[in-house]
């Protein structure tokens, strides 16, 4: 099988194919982010990189059996500015349509965010099918609703695995430090690391401050995040201050995830007093697990160092939930 992946990122498409048990003869990738490409070539060195989607010589490609794409979504997102087809990034969707029409692959799969029905309708008309909406929460600990347009037959909703945040955390301790590259639990309750924990900490450890607007814990519904408070030591928009219980789901790992947008969880018990508890940001490894990516998949060599956490967060936010992709691709094996 020959596969072409547009906007390939860190090659979640190859991970999905691997998880689905589908053998690939040639995997062509179109990507321009040097960090994501470094991860791809380290994990899948036989990947054939084609550069920008605008520069692909499609006339000289072999017969493509499967076309995969997760075109940039910032212009479509209901949570964003909703610039839609006027957004330069979203215009790249039409490159997918152009290549789809020229190559006429046997199968195609296009992923994008939830959007206004009118724009969803435009995409559906151009690709010739309606999307199926799948929430990653069914297969992971992340609430991530996405639309999938595909002609792969028999695609249905996956069965709920019931995975929660507490199932993917690196530690159940009340706090931990990184010592000589290893996470070590601390004995003191309430001690917890902030986003800079990977740089090392002093003898006092890293301790976050009180959060406010504490909520009463409850059993989560399907795909539900349980917010337990707001981190009052942070600046910026309220959405960046929300702290969640490990007994529920994580909010979506965002495109360009970094800094204040990294999901935050309450440490130790969800509630310490009526209006306080301690929190930390999810680690890159935990975000990998949210995206059902193998542990430390994004931790690869980069210019005599290891890939930075900021770049790992970013590419994970831009990527697929790989188990969802595998669930859809398994339909190919049933044909």
C-alpha atoms as a PDB file:
ATOM      1  CA  UNK A   1       0.000   0.000   0.000  1.00  0.00           C
ATOM      2  CA  UNK A   2       1.233   3.470  -0.915  1.00  0.00           C
ATOM      3  CA  UNK A   3       0.188   6.218   1.486  1.00  0.00           C
ATOM      4  CA  UNK A   4       0.370   9.995   1.127  1.00  0.00           C
ATOM      5  CA  UNK A   5      -0.056  12.042   4.297  1.00  0.00           C
ATOM      6  CA  UNK A   6      -0.578  15.784   3.937  1.00  0.00           C
ATOM      7  CA  UNK A   7       0.239  18.059   6.900  1.00  0.00           C
ATOM      8  CA  UNK A   8       1.850  14.943   8.342  1.00  0.00           C
ATOM      9  CA  UNK A   9       3.184  16.520  11.535  1.00  0.00           C
ATOM     10  CA  UNK A  10       4.913  13.933  13.724  1.00  0.00           C
ATOM     11  CA  UNK A  11       3.369  11.178  11.571  1.00  0.00           C
ATOM     12  CA  UNK A  12       0.381  10.165  13.638  1.00  0.00           C
ATOM     13  CA  UNK A  13      -0.895   8.611  10.426  1.00  0.00           C
ATOM     14  CA  UNK A  14       1.932   6.064  10.490  1.00  0.00           C
ATOM     15  CA  UNK A  15       1.244   5.322  14.130  1.00  0.00           C
ATOM     16  CA  UNK A  16      -2.418   4.772  13.263  1.00  0.00           C
ATOM     17  CA  UNK A  17      -1.526   2.420  10.421  1.00  0.00           C
ATOM     18  CA  UNK A  18       0.871   0.551  12.682  1.00  0.00           C
ATOM     19  CA  UNK A  19      -1.759   0.185  15.410  1.00  0.00           C
ATOM     20  CA  UNK A  20      -4.307  -0.966  12.835  1.00  0.00           C
ATOM     21  CA  UNK A  21      -1.921  -3.659  11.595  1.00  0.00           C
ATOM     22  CA  UNK A  22      -1.797  -2.320   8.039  1.00  0.00           C
ATOM     23  CA  UNK A  23       1.444  -2.857   6.129  1.00  0.00           C
ATOM     24  CA  UNK A  24       2.772   0.063   4.108  1.00  0.00           C
ATOM     25  CA  UNK A  25       5.077  -0.145   1.111  1.00  0.00           C
ATOM     26  CA  UNK A  26       5.781   3.569   0.745  1.00  0.00           C
ATOM     27  CA  UNK A  27       4.770   6.403   3.062  1.00  0.00           C
ATOM     28  CA  UNK A  28       5.017   9.865   1.535  1.00  0.00           C
ATOM     29  CA  UNK A  29       4.770  12.787   3.950  1.00  0.00           C
ATOM     30  CA  UNK A  30       4.167  16.459   3.285  1.00  0.00           C
ATOM     31  CA  UNK A  31       5.280  18.630   6.206  1.00  0.00           C
ATOM     32  CA  UNK A  32       7.267  21.825   6.807  1.00  0.00           C
ATOM     33  CA  UNK A  33       7.762  21.860  10.602  1.00  0.00           C
ATOM     34  CA  UNK A  34      11.391  20.835  11.170  1.00  0.00           C
ATOM     35  CA  UNK A  35      10.769  19.576  14.703  1.00  0.00           C
ATOM     36  CA  UNK A  36       7.865  17.343  13.734  1.00  0.00           C
ATOM     37  CA  UNK A  37       9.842  16.050  10.768  1.00  0.00           C
ATOM     38  CA  UNK A  38      12.751  15.213  13.065  1.00  0.00           C
ATOM     39  CA  UNK A  39      10.457  13.055  15.190  1.00  0.00           C
ATOM     40  CA  UNK A  40       9.042  11.341  12.106  1.00  0.00           C
ATOM     41  CA  UNK A  41      12.432  10.528  10.611  1.00  0.00           C
ATOM     42  CA  UNK A  42      13.741   9.252  13.944  1.00  0.00           C
ATOM     43  CA  UNK A  43      10.756   6.963  14.522  1.00  0.00           C
ATOM     44  CA  UNK A  44      10.070   6.084  10.864  1.00  0.00           C
ATOM     45  CA  UNK A  45      13.352   6.604   8.983  1.00  0.00           C
ATOM     46  CA  UNK A  46      11.991   5.222   5.696  1.00  0.00           C
ATOM     47  CA  UNK A  47       9.450   8.053   5.425  1.00  0.00           C
ATOM     48  CA  UNK A  48       9.721   9.908   2.109  1.00  0.00           C
ATOM     49  CA  UNK A  49       9.461  13.625   2.889  1.00  0.00           C
ATOM     50  CA  UNK A  50       8.010  15.796   0.111  1.00  0.00           C
ATOM     51  CA  UNK A  51       8.112  19.226   1.745  1.00  0.00           C
ATOM     52  CA  UNK A  52       5.302  21.768   1.500  1.00  0.00           C
ATOM     53  CA  UNK A  53       1.907  20.689   0.217  1.00  0.00           C
ATOM     54  CA  UNK A  54       2.202  23.549  -2.258  1.00  0.00           C
ATOM     55  CA  UNK A  55       5.293  22.012  -3.860  1.00  0.00           C
ATOM     56  CA  UNK A  56       4.386  18.320  -4.222  1.00  0.00           C
ATOM     57  CA  UNK A  57       5.051  16.934  -7.681  1.00  0.00           C
ATOM     58  CA  UNK A  58       1.868  14.857  -7.689  1.00  0.00           C
ATOM     59  CA  UNK A  59       2.230  13.896 -11.354  1.00  0.00           C
ATOM     60  CA  UNK A  60       5.317  11.806 -10.567  1.00  0.00           C
ATOM     61  CA  UNK A  61       3.982   9.999  -7.517  1.00  0.00           C
ATOM     62  CA  UNK A  62       3.148   6.287  -7.797  1.00  0.00           C
ATOM     63  CA  UNK A  63      -0.439   5.140  -7.453  1.00  0.00           C
ATOM     64  CA  UNK A  64      -1.618   6.284  -4.006  1.00  0.00           C
ATOM     65  CA  UNK A  65      -3.936   3.883  -2.194  1.00  0.00           C
ATOM     66  CA  UNK A  66      -4.627   6.000   0.897  1.00  0.00           C
ATOM     67  CA  UNK A  67      -4.602   9.781   1.300  1.00  0.00           C
ATOM     68  CA  UNK A  68      -4.562  11.084   4.893  1.00  0.00           C
ATOM     69  CA  UNK A  69      -4.816  14.710   5.974  1.00  0.00           C
ATOM     70  CA  UNK A  70      -5.428  16.781   9.044  1.00  0.00           C
ATOM     71  CA  UNK A  71      -5.363  20.201   7.436  1.00  0.00           C
ATOM     72  CA  UNK A  72      -4.664  23.209   9.688  1.00  0.00           C
ATOM     73  CA  UNK A  73      -7.782  23.859  11.729  1.00  0.00           C
ATOM     74  CA  UNK A  74      -7.223  27.243  13.373  1.00  0.00           C
ATOM     75  CA  UNK A  75      -9.497  28.979  10.875  1.00  0.00           C
ATOM     76  CA  UNK A  76     -12.408  26.581  11.414  1.00  0.00           C
ATOM     77  CA  UNK A  77     -12.462  26.023  15.180  1.00  0.00           C
ATOM     78  CA  UNK A  78     -15.562  27.033  17.120  1.00  0.00           C
ATOM     79  CA  UNK A  79     -13.180  28.003  19.911  1.00  0.00           C
ATOM     80  CA  UNK A  80     -11.100  30.240  17.649  1.00  0.00           C
ATOM     81  CA  UNK A  81     -11.740  33.340  15.549  1.00  0.00           C
ATOM     82  CA  UNK A  82     -13.708  31.333  12.973  1.00  0.00           C
ATOM     83  CA  UNK A  83     -12.056  32.995  10.002  1.00  0.00           C
ATOM     84  CA  UNK A  84     -12.934  29.903   8.037  1.00  0.00           C
ATOM     85  CA  UNK A  85     -12.012  29.784   4.349  1.00  0.00           C
ATOM     86  CA  UNK A  86     -10.588  33.312   4.481  1.00  0.00           C
ATOM     87  CA  UNK A  87      -7.877  32.152   6.879  1.00  0.00           C
ATOM     88  CA  UNK A  88      -4.570  31.457   5.097  1.00  0.00           C
ATOM     89  CA  UNK A  89      -4.090  28.243   7.083  1.00  0.00           C
ATOM     90  CA  UNK A  90      -7.564  26.938   6.318  1.00  0.00           C
ATOM     91  CA  UNK A  91      -7.112  27.670   2.629  1.00  0.00           C
ATOM     92  CA  UNK A  92      -4.660  24.781   2.645  1.00  0.00           C
ATOM     93  CA  UNK A  93      -7.722  22.541   2.807  1.00  0.00           C
ATOM     94  CA  UNK A  94      -8.239  23.256  -0.883  1.00  0.00           C
ATOM     95  CA  UNK A  95      -4.798  21.790  -1.564  1.00  0.00           C
ATOM     96  CA  UNK A  96      -6.107  18.555  -0.067  1.00  0.00           C
ATOM     97  CA  UNK A  97      -9.114  18.729  -2.402  1.00  0.00           C
ATOM     98  CA  UNK A  98      -6.897  19.417  -5.424  1.00  0.00           C
ATOM     99  CA  UNK A  99      -4.607  16.478  -4.633  1.00  0.00           C
ATOM    100  CA  UNK A 100      -7.556  14.197  -3.806  1.00  0.00           C
ATOM    101  CA  UNK A 101      -9.187  14.912  -7.153  1.00  0.00           C
ATOM    102  CA  UNK A 102      -5.968  14.420  -9.109  1.00  0.00           C
ATOM    103  CA  UNK A 103      -4.746  11.230  -7.419  1.00  0.00           C
ATOM    104  CA  UNK A 104      -8.129   9.531  -6.989  1.00  0.00           C
ATOM    105  CA  UNK A 105      -6.889   7.245  -4.176  1.00  0.00           C
ATOM    106  CA  UNK A 106      -8.925   4.196  -3.234  1.00  0.00           C
ATOM    107  CA  UNK A 107      -9.330   5.544   0.304  1.00  0.00           C
ATOM    108  CA  UNK A 108      -9.063   8.929   1.939  1.00  0.00           C
ATOM    109  CA  UNK A 109      -9.318  10.261   5.489  1.00  0.00           C
ATOM    110  CA  UNK A 110      -9.626  13.923   6.433  1.00  0.00           C
ATOM    111  CA  UNK A 111      -9.702  15.140  10.050  1.00  0.00           C
ATOM    112  CA  UNK A 112     -10.740  18.555  11.298  1.00  0.00           C
ATOM    113  CA  UNK A 113     -12.340  20.323  14.229  1.00  0.00           C
ATOM    114  CA  UNK A 114     -16.027  20.887  14.876  1.00  0.00           C
ATOM    115  CA  UNK A 115     -17.176  23.952  12.982  1.00  0.00           C
ATOM    116  CA  UNK A 116     -20.265  25.802  11.837  1.00  0.00           C
ATOM    117  CA  UNK A 117     -22.630  23.635   9.811  1.00  0.00           C
ATOM    118  CA  UNK A 118     -22.322  25.858   6.738  1.00  0.00           C
ATOM    119  CA  UNK A 119     -18.560  25.325   6.532  1.00  0.00           C
ATOM    120  CA  UNK A 120     -18.888  21.644   7.368  1.00  0.00           C
ATOM    121  CA  UNK A 121     -21.327  21.436   4.449  1.00  0.00           C
ATOM    122  CA  UNK A 122     -18.847  23.031   2.049  1.00  0.00           C
ATOM    123  CA  UNK A 123     -16.199  20.463   2.960  1.00  0.00           C
ATOM    124  CA  UNK A 124     -18.692  17.592   2.678  1.00  0.00           C
ATOM    125  CA  UNK A 125     -19.746  18.699  -0.801  1.00  0.00           C
ATOM    126  CA  UNK A 126     -16.152  18.964  -1.980  1.00  0.00           C
ATOM    127  CA  UNK A 127     -15.020  15.554  -0.681  1.00  0.00           C
ATOM    128  CA  UNK A 128     -18.293  13.752  -1.453  1.00  0.00           C
ATOM    129  CA  UNK A 129     -19.306  12.454   1.981  1.00  0.00           C
ATOM    130  CA  UNK A 130     -20.575  13.503   5.388  1.00  0.00           C
ATOM    131  CA  UNK A 131     -18.228  13.338   8.387  1.00  0.00           C
ATOM    132  CA  UNK A 132     -18.514  11.129  11.428  1.00  0.00           C
ATOM    133  CA  UNK A 133     -17.920  12.906  14.735  1.00  0.00           C
ATOM    134  CA  UNK A 134     -15.777  10.953  17.196  1.00  0.00           C
ATOM    135  CA  UNK A 135     -14.741  12.136  20.634  1.00  0.00           C
ATOM    136  CA  UNK A 136     -11.252  10.946  21.581  1.00  0.00           C
ATOM    137  CA  UNK A 137     -12.669  10.536  25.105  1.00  0.00           C
ATOM    138  CA  UNK A 138     -13.992   7.142  24.019  1.00  0.00           C
ATOM    139  CA  UNK A 139     -10.463   5.814  23.534  1.00  0.00           C
ATOM    140  CA  UNK A 140      -8.333   8.103  25.700  1.00  0.00           C
ATOM    141  CA  UNK A 141      -8.393  10.350  28.748  1.00  0.00           C
ATOM    142  CA  UNK A 142      -8.892  13.451  26.606  1.00  0.00           C
ATOM    143  CA  UNK A 143     -12.077  15.248  25.666  1.00  0.00           C
ATOM    144  CA  UNK A 144     -11.366  15.968  21.982  1.00  0.00           C
ATOM    145  CA  UNK A 145     -14.258  16.132  19.522  1.00  0.00           C
ATOM    146  CA  UNK A 146     -13.227  15.900  15.883  1.00  0.00           C
ATOM    147  CA  UNK A 147     -14.864  15.400  12.501  1.00  0.00           C
ATOM    148  CA  UNK A 148     -13.621  12.655  10.166  1.00  0.00           C
ATOM    149  CA  UNK A 149     -14.507  12.583   6.463  1.00  0.00           C
ATOM    150  CA  UNK A 150     -13.686   9.217   4.893  1.00  0.00           C
ATOM    151  CA  UNK A 151     -14.783   6.723   2.272  1.00  0.00           C
ATOM    152  CA  UNK A 152     -13.442   3.817   4.329  1.00  0.00           C
ATOM    153  CA  UNK A 153     -16.487   1.561   4.787  1.00  0.00           C
ATOM    154  CA  UNK A 154     -18.104   0.534   8.053  1.00  0.00           C
ATOM    155  CA  UNK A 155     -16.734   3.273  10.306  1.00  0.00           C
ATOM    156  CA  UNK A 156     -18.739   3.420  13.537  1.00  0.00           C
ATOM    157  CA  UNK A 157     -18.334   4.898  16.987  1.00  0.00           C
ATOM    158  CA  UNK A 158     -15.644   3.056  18.976  1.00  0.00           C
ATOM    159  CA  UNK A 159     -16.517   1.388  22.261  1.00  0.00           C
ATOM    160  CA  UNK A 160     -15.806   3.475  25.342  1.00  0.00           C
ATOM    161  CA  UNK A 161     -12.658   2.266  27.115  1.00  0.00           C
ATOM    162  CA  UNK A 162     -13.479   4.333  30.194  1.00  0.00           C
ATOM    163  CA  UNK A 163      -9.989   5.833  30.465  1.00  0.00           C
ATOM    164  CA  UNK A 164      -9.669   8.762  32.888  1.00  0.00           C
ATOM    165  CA  UNK A 165      -6.876  11.204  33.664  1.00  0.00           C
ATOM    166  CA  UNK A 166      -5.832   9.212  36.726  1.00  0.00           C
ATOM    167  CA  UNK A 167      -5.087   6.250  34.423  1.00  0.00           C
ATOM    168  CA  UNK A 168      -2.429   8.088  32.399  1.00  0.00           C
ATOM    169  CA  UNK A 169      -0.572  10.119  35.043  1.00  0.00           C
ATOM    170  CA  UNK A 170       3.141   9.542  35.600  1.00  0.00           C
ATOM    171  CA  UNK A 171       2.681   9.375  39.362  1.00  0.00           C
ATOM    172  CA  UNK A 172      -0.099   9.151  41.922  1.00  0.00           C
ATOM    173  CA  UNK A 173       2.033  10.961  44.503  1.00  0.00           C
ATOM    174  CA  UNK A 174       1.186  14.341  45.993  1.00  0.00           C
ATOM    175  CA  UNK A 175       4.212  15.803  44.325  1.00  0.00           C
ATOM    176  CA  UNK A 176       7.446  14.838  42.652  1.00  0.00           C
ATOM    177  CA  UNK A 177      10.724  16.314  41.525  1.00  0.00           C
ATOM    178  CA  UNK A 178      13.020  15.470  38.675  1.00  0.00           C
ATOM    179  CA  UNK A 179      16.401  14.354  40.015  1.00  0.00           C
ATOM    180  CA  UNK A 180      19.128  13.332  37.561  1.00  0.00           C
ATOM    181  CA  UNK A 181      16.502  12.802  34.881  1.00  0.00           C
ATOM    182  CA  UNK A 182      14.191  10.664  37.014  1.00  0.00           C
ATOM    183  CA  UNK A 183      10.868  11.546  38.617  1.00  0.00           C
ATOM    184  CA  UNK A 184      10.942  11.042  42.379  1.00  0.00           C
ATOM    185  CA  UNK A 185       7.962  11.338  44.693  1.00  0.00           C
ATOM    186  CA  UNK A 186       8.102  13.736  47.616  1.00  0.00           C
ATOM    187  CA  UNK A 187       6.746  12.902  51.048  1.00  0.00           C
ATOM    188  CA  UNK A 188       5.152  16.270  51.730  1.00  0.00           C
ATOM    189  CA  UNK A 189       1.521  16.592  50.740  1.00  0.00           C
ATOM    190  CA  UNK A 190       0.755  19.479  48.448  1.00  0.00           C
ATOM    191  CA  UNK A 191       4.228  19.590  46.927  1.00  0.00           C
ATOM    192  CA  UNK A 192       3.829  19.682  43.197  1.00  0.00           C
ATOM    193  CA  UNK A 193       5.740  20.743  40.110  1.00  0.00           C
ATOM    194  CA  UNK A 194       4.984  23.585  37.765  1.00  0.00           C
ATOM    195  CA  UNK A 195       5.669  23.685  34.032  1.00  0.00           C
ATOM    196  CA  UNK A 196       9.371  24.260  34.668  1.00  0.00           C
ATOM    197  CA  UNK A 197       9.886  21.034  36.593  1.00  0.00           C
ATOM    198  CA  UNK A 198      11.934  19.504  33.791  1.00  0.00           C
ATOM    199  CA  UNK A 199      14.659  22.119  34.405  1.00  0.00           C
ATOM    200  CA  UNK A 200      15.313  20.750  37.878  1.00  0.00           C
ATOM    201  CA  UNK A 201      14.287  22.146  41.261  1.00  0.00           C
ATOM    202  CA  UNK A 202      15.991  23.238  44.450  1.00  0.00           C
ATOM    203  CA  UNK A 203      15.900  21.473  47.807  1.00  0.00           C
ATOM    204  CA  UNK A 204      12.529  22.976  48.610  1.00  0.00           C
ATOM    205  CA  UNK A 205      10.889  21.497  45.530  1.00  0.00           C
ATOM    206  CA  UNK A 206       8.275  23.310  43.473  1.00  0.00           C
ATOM    207  CA  UNK A 207       5.033  24.227  45.163  1.00  0.00           C
ATOM    208  CA  UNK A 208       1.994  25.752  43.492  1.00  0.00           C
ATOM    209  CA  UNK A 209      -0.389  28.128  45.239  1.00  0.00           C
ATOM    210  CA  UNK A 210      -4.001  27.941  46.291  1.00  0.00           C
ATOM    211  CA  UNK A 211      -6.730  27.672  43.718  1.00  0.00           C
ATOM    212  CA  UNK A 212     -10.135  29.239  44.124  1.00  0.00           C
ATOM    213  CA  UNK A 213     -13.720  28.505  43.029  1.00  0.00           C
ATOM    214  CA  UNK A 214     -13.462  24.924  44.205  1.00  0.00           C
ATOM    215  CA  UNK A 215     -16.288  22.696  43.021  1.00  0.00           C
ATOM    216  CA  UNK A 216     -17.790  19.603  44.602  1.00  0.00           C
ATOM    217  CA  UNK A 217     -16.345  16.388  43.080  1.00  0.00           C
ATOM    218  CA  UNK A 218     -18.793  14.279  41.112  1.00  0.00           C
ATOM    219  CA  UNK A 219     -18.788  11.282  38.827  1.00  0.00           C
ATOM    220  CA  UNK A 220     -17.982  12.354  35.255  1.00  0.00           C
ATOM    221  CA  UNK A 221     -20.192  11.564  32.318  1.00  0.00           C
ATOM    222  CA  UNK A 222     -18.887  10.340  28.977  1.00  0.00           C
ATOM    223  CA  UNK A 223     -16.097  12.614  27.835  1.00  0.00           C
ATOM    224  CA  UNK A 224     -16.605  15.024  30.723  1.00  0.00           C
ATOM    225  CA  UNK A 225     -13.923  17.144  32.337  1.00  0.00           C
ATOM    226  CA  UNK A 226     -14.349  17.854  36.044  1.00  0.00           C
ATOM    227  CA  UNK A 227     -13.183  21.356  36.872  1.00  0.00           C
ATOM    228  CA  UNK A 228     -12.268  21.769  40.551  1.00  0.00           C
ATOM    229  CA  UNK A 229     -11.012  25.321  40.541  1.00  0.00           C
ATOM    230  CA  UNK A 230      -9.170  28.247  39.018  1.00  0.00           C
ATOM    231  CA  UNK A 231      -5.433  28.825  39.516  1.00  0.00           C
ATOM    232  CA  UNK A 232      -5.301  32.311  40.972  1.00  0.00           C
ATOM    233  CA  UNK A 233      -1.539  32.593  40.535  1.00  0.00           C
ATOM    234  CA  UNK A 234      -1.803  32.750  36.740  1.00  0.00           C
ATOM    235  CA  UNK A 235      -2.430  35.683  34.451  1.00  0.00           C
ATOM    236  CA  UNK A 236      -4.374  35.578  31.225  1.00  0.00           C
ATOM    237  CA  UNK A 237      -7.719  34.256  30.073  1.00  0.00           C
ATOM    238  CA  UNK A 238      -9.823  32.187  32.476  1.00  0.00           C
ATOM    239  CA  UNK A 239      -9.660  29.157  30.171  1.00  0.00           C
ATOM    240  CA  UNK A 240      -5.903  28.958  30.888  1.00  0.00           C
ATOM    241  CA  UNK A 241      -6.520  28.939  34.663  1.00  0.00           C
ATOM    242  CA  UNK A 242      -8.914  26.015  34.868  1.00  0.00           C
ATOM    243  CA  UNK A 243      -7.778  23.115  37.039  1.00  0.00           C
ATOM    244  CA  UNK A 244      -9.285  19.654  36.569  1.00  0.00           C
ATOM    245  CA  UNK A 245      -9.733  16.543  38.665  1.00  0.00           C
ATOM    246  CA  UNK A 246      -7.816  13.425  37.726  1.00  0.00           C
ATOM    247  CA  UNK A 247     -11.095  11.501  38.125  1.00  0.00           C
ATOM    248  CA  UNK A 248     -12.432  12.999  34.894  1.00  0.00           C
ATOM    249  CA  UNK A 249     -11.092  13.700  31.423  1.00  0.00           C
ATOM    250  CA  UNK A 250      -8.462  16.165  30.316  1.00  0.00           C
ATOM    251  CA  UNK A 251      -9.553  19.130  28.211  1.00  0.00           C
ATOM    252  CA  UNK A 252      -8.349  19.109  24.625  1.00  0.00           C
ATOM    253  CA  UNK A 253      -4.607  19.326  24.089  1.00  0.00           C
ATOM    254  CA  UNK A 254      -4.683  22.457  21.946  1.00  0.00           C
ATOM    255  CA  UNK A 255      -3.017  23.231  18.645  1.00  0.00           C
ATOM    256  CA  UNK A 256       0.150  25.092  19.522  1.00  0.00           C
ATOM    257  CA  UNK A 257      -0.176  23.793  23.094  1.00  0.00           C
ATOM    258  CA  UNK A 258       2.399  25.539  25.278  1.00  0.00           C
ATOM    259  CA  UNK A 259       2.775  27.759  28.293  1.00  0.00           C
ATOM    260  CA  UNK A 260      -0.518  28.643  29.915  1.00  0.00           C
ATOM    261  CA  UNK A 261      -2.596  26.478  27.568  1.00  0.00           C
ATOM    262  CA  UNK A 262      -1.191  23.182  28.868  1.00  0.00           C
ATOM    263  CA  UNK A 263      -3.971  21.295  30.754  1.00  0.00           C
ATOM    264  CA  UNK A 264      -3.730  21.500  34.541  1.00  0.00           C
ATOM    265  CA  UNK A 265      -4.709  18.947  37.175  1.00  0.00           C
ATOM    266  CA  UNK A 266      -5.229  19.050  40.917  1.00  0.00           C
ATOM    267  CA  UNK A 267      -2.486  17.239  42.825  1.00  0.00           C
ATOM    268  CA  UNK A 268      -3.092  14.609  45.473  1.00  0.00           C
ATOM    269  CA  UNK A 269      -6.682  14.655  46.658  1.00  0.00           C
ATOM    270  CA  UNK A 270      -8.973  16.738  44.485  1.00  0.00           C
ATOM    271  CA  UNK A 271      -9.892  18.947  47.455  1.00  0.00           C
ATOM    272  CA  UNK A 272      -7.720  19.863  50.429  1.00  0.00           C
ATOM    273  CA  UNK A 273      -9.945  22.434  52.109  1.00  0.00           C
ATOM    274  CA  UNK A 274     -13.104  24.212  51.126  1.00  0.00           C
ATOM    275  CA  UNK A 275     -11.315  26.496  48.715  1.00  0.00           C
ATOM    276  CA  UNK A 276      -7.765  25.329  48.162  1.00  0.00           C
ATOM    277  CA  UNK A 277      -5.666  22.630  46.614  1.00  0.00           C
ATOM    278  CA  UNK A 278      -2.478  22.432  44.596  1.00  0.00           C
ATOM    279  CA  UNK A 279      -2.096  21.927  40.885  1.00  0.00           C
ATOM    280  CA  UNK A 280       0.411  21.171  38.178  1.00  0.00           C
ATOM    281  CA  UNK A 281       0.535  21.096  34.405  1.00  0.00           C
ATOM    282  CA  UNK A 282       0.435  17.819  32.543  1.00  0.00           C
ATOM    283  CA  UNK A 283       3.848  16.587  31.449  1.00  0.00           C
ATOM    284  CA  UNK A 284       4.753  15.947  27.783  1.00  0.00           C
ATOM    285  CA  UNK A 285       4.634  12.196  28.434  1.00  0.00           C
ATOM    286  CA  UNK A 286       1.131  12.520  29.877  1.00  0.00           C
ATOM    287  CA  UNK A 287       0.068  14.526  26.820  1.00  0.00           C
ATOM    288  CA  UNK A 288       1.469  11.735  24.652  1.00  0.00           C
ATOM    289  CA  UNK A 289      -0.776   9.329  26.507  1.00  0.00           C
ATOM    290  CA  UNK A 290      -3.752  11.641  25.977  1.00  0.00           C
ATOM    291  CA  UNK A 291      -3.059  11.416  22.238  1.00  0.00           C
ATOM    292  CA  UNK A 292      -2.491   7.629  22.553  1.00  0.00           C
ATOM    293  CA  UNK A 293       1.076   8.055  21.339  1.00  0.00           C
ATOM    294  CA  UNK A 294       3.772   5.684  22.694  1.00  0.00           C
ATOM    295  CA  UNK A 295       5.579   6.963  25.774  1.00  0.00           C
ATOM    296  CA  UNK A 296       8.388   9.388  24.901  1.00  0.00           C
ATOM    297  CA  UNK A 297       7.631   9.120  21.185  1.00  0.00           C
ATOM    298  CA  UNK A 298       8.351  12.850  20.811  1.00  0.00           C
ATOM    299  CA  UNK A 299      11.504  12.735  22.932  1.00  0.00           C
ATOM    300  CA  UNK A 300      14.128  12.440  20.197  1.00  0.00           C
ATOM    301  CA  UNK A 301      17.591  13.947  19.591  1.00  0.00           C
ATOM    302  CA  UNK A 302      17.616  17.475  18.251  1.00  0.00           C
ATOM    303  CA  UNK A 303      20.855  19.328  17.450  1.00  0.00           C
ATOM    304  CA  UNK A 304      22.991  17.545  20.075  1.00  0.00           C
ATOM    305  CA  UNK A 305      20.216  17.879  22.653  1.00  0.00           C
ATOM    306  CA  UNK A 306      16.862  16.243  23.175  1.00  0.00           C
ATOM    307  CA  UNK A 307      13.657  17.721  21.772  1.00  0.00           C
ATOM    308  CA  UNK A 308      12.463  20.576  23.996  1.00  0.00           C
ATOM    309  CA  UNK A 309       9.281  20.211  26.010  1.00  0.00           C
ATOM    310  CA  UNK A 310       7.771  23.255  24.301  1.00  0.00           C
ATOM    311  CA  UNK A 311       8.139  21.621  20.882  1.00  0.00           C
ATOM    312  CA  UNK A 312       6.805  18.326  22.209  1.00  0.00           C
ATOM    313  CA  UNK A 313       3.694  20.031  23.562  1.00  0.00           C
ATOM    314  CA  UNK A 314       3.209  21.886  20.287  1.00  0.00           C
ATOM    315  CA  UNK A 315       3.385  18.860  17.993  1.00  0.00           C
ATOM    316  CA  UNK A 316       1.136  16.827  20.290  1.00  0.00           C
ATOM    317  CA  UNK A 317      -1.466  19.587  20.225  1.00  0.00           C
ATOM    318  CA  UNK A 318      -1.254  19.611  16.431  1.00  0.00           C
ATOM    319  CA  UNK A 319      -1.468  15.839  16.096  1.00  0.00           C
ATOM    320  CA  UNK A 320      -4.030  13.055  15.842  1.00  0.00           C
ATOM    321  CA  UNK A 321      -5.407  10.915  18.619  1.00  0.00           C
ATOM    322  CA  UNK A 322      -3.738   7.859  17.118  1.00  0.00           C
ATOM    323  CA  UNK A 323      -6.135   5.223  18.463  1.00  0.00           C
ATOM    324  CA  UNK A 324      -9.030   7.018  16.751  1.00  0.00           C
ATOM    325  CA  UNK A 325      -7.120   6.971  13.449  1.00  0.00           C
ATOM    326  CA  UNK A 326      -6.364   3.271  13.923  1.00  0.00           C
ATOM    327  CA  UNK A 327     -10.042   2.585  14.666  1.00  0.00           C
ATOM    328  CA  UNK A 328     -11.061   4.178  11.370  1.00  0.00           C
ATOM    329  CA  UNK A 329      -8.253   2.608   9.301  1.00  0.00           C
ATOM    330  CA  UNK A 330      -9.141  -0.898  10.490  1.00  0.00           C
ATOM    331  CA  UNK A 331     -12.084  -0.668   8.099  1.00  0.00           C
ATOM    332  CA  UNK A 332      -9.598  -1.100   5.237  1.00  0.00           C
ATOM    333  CA  UNK A 333      -8.704  -4.578   6.492  1.00  0.00           C
ATOM    334  CA  UNK A 334     -12.344  -5.625   6.467  1.00  0.00           C
ATOM    335  CA  UNK A 335     -12.898  -4.860   2.784  1.00  0.00           C
END
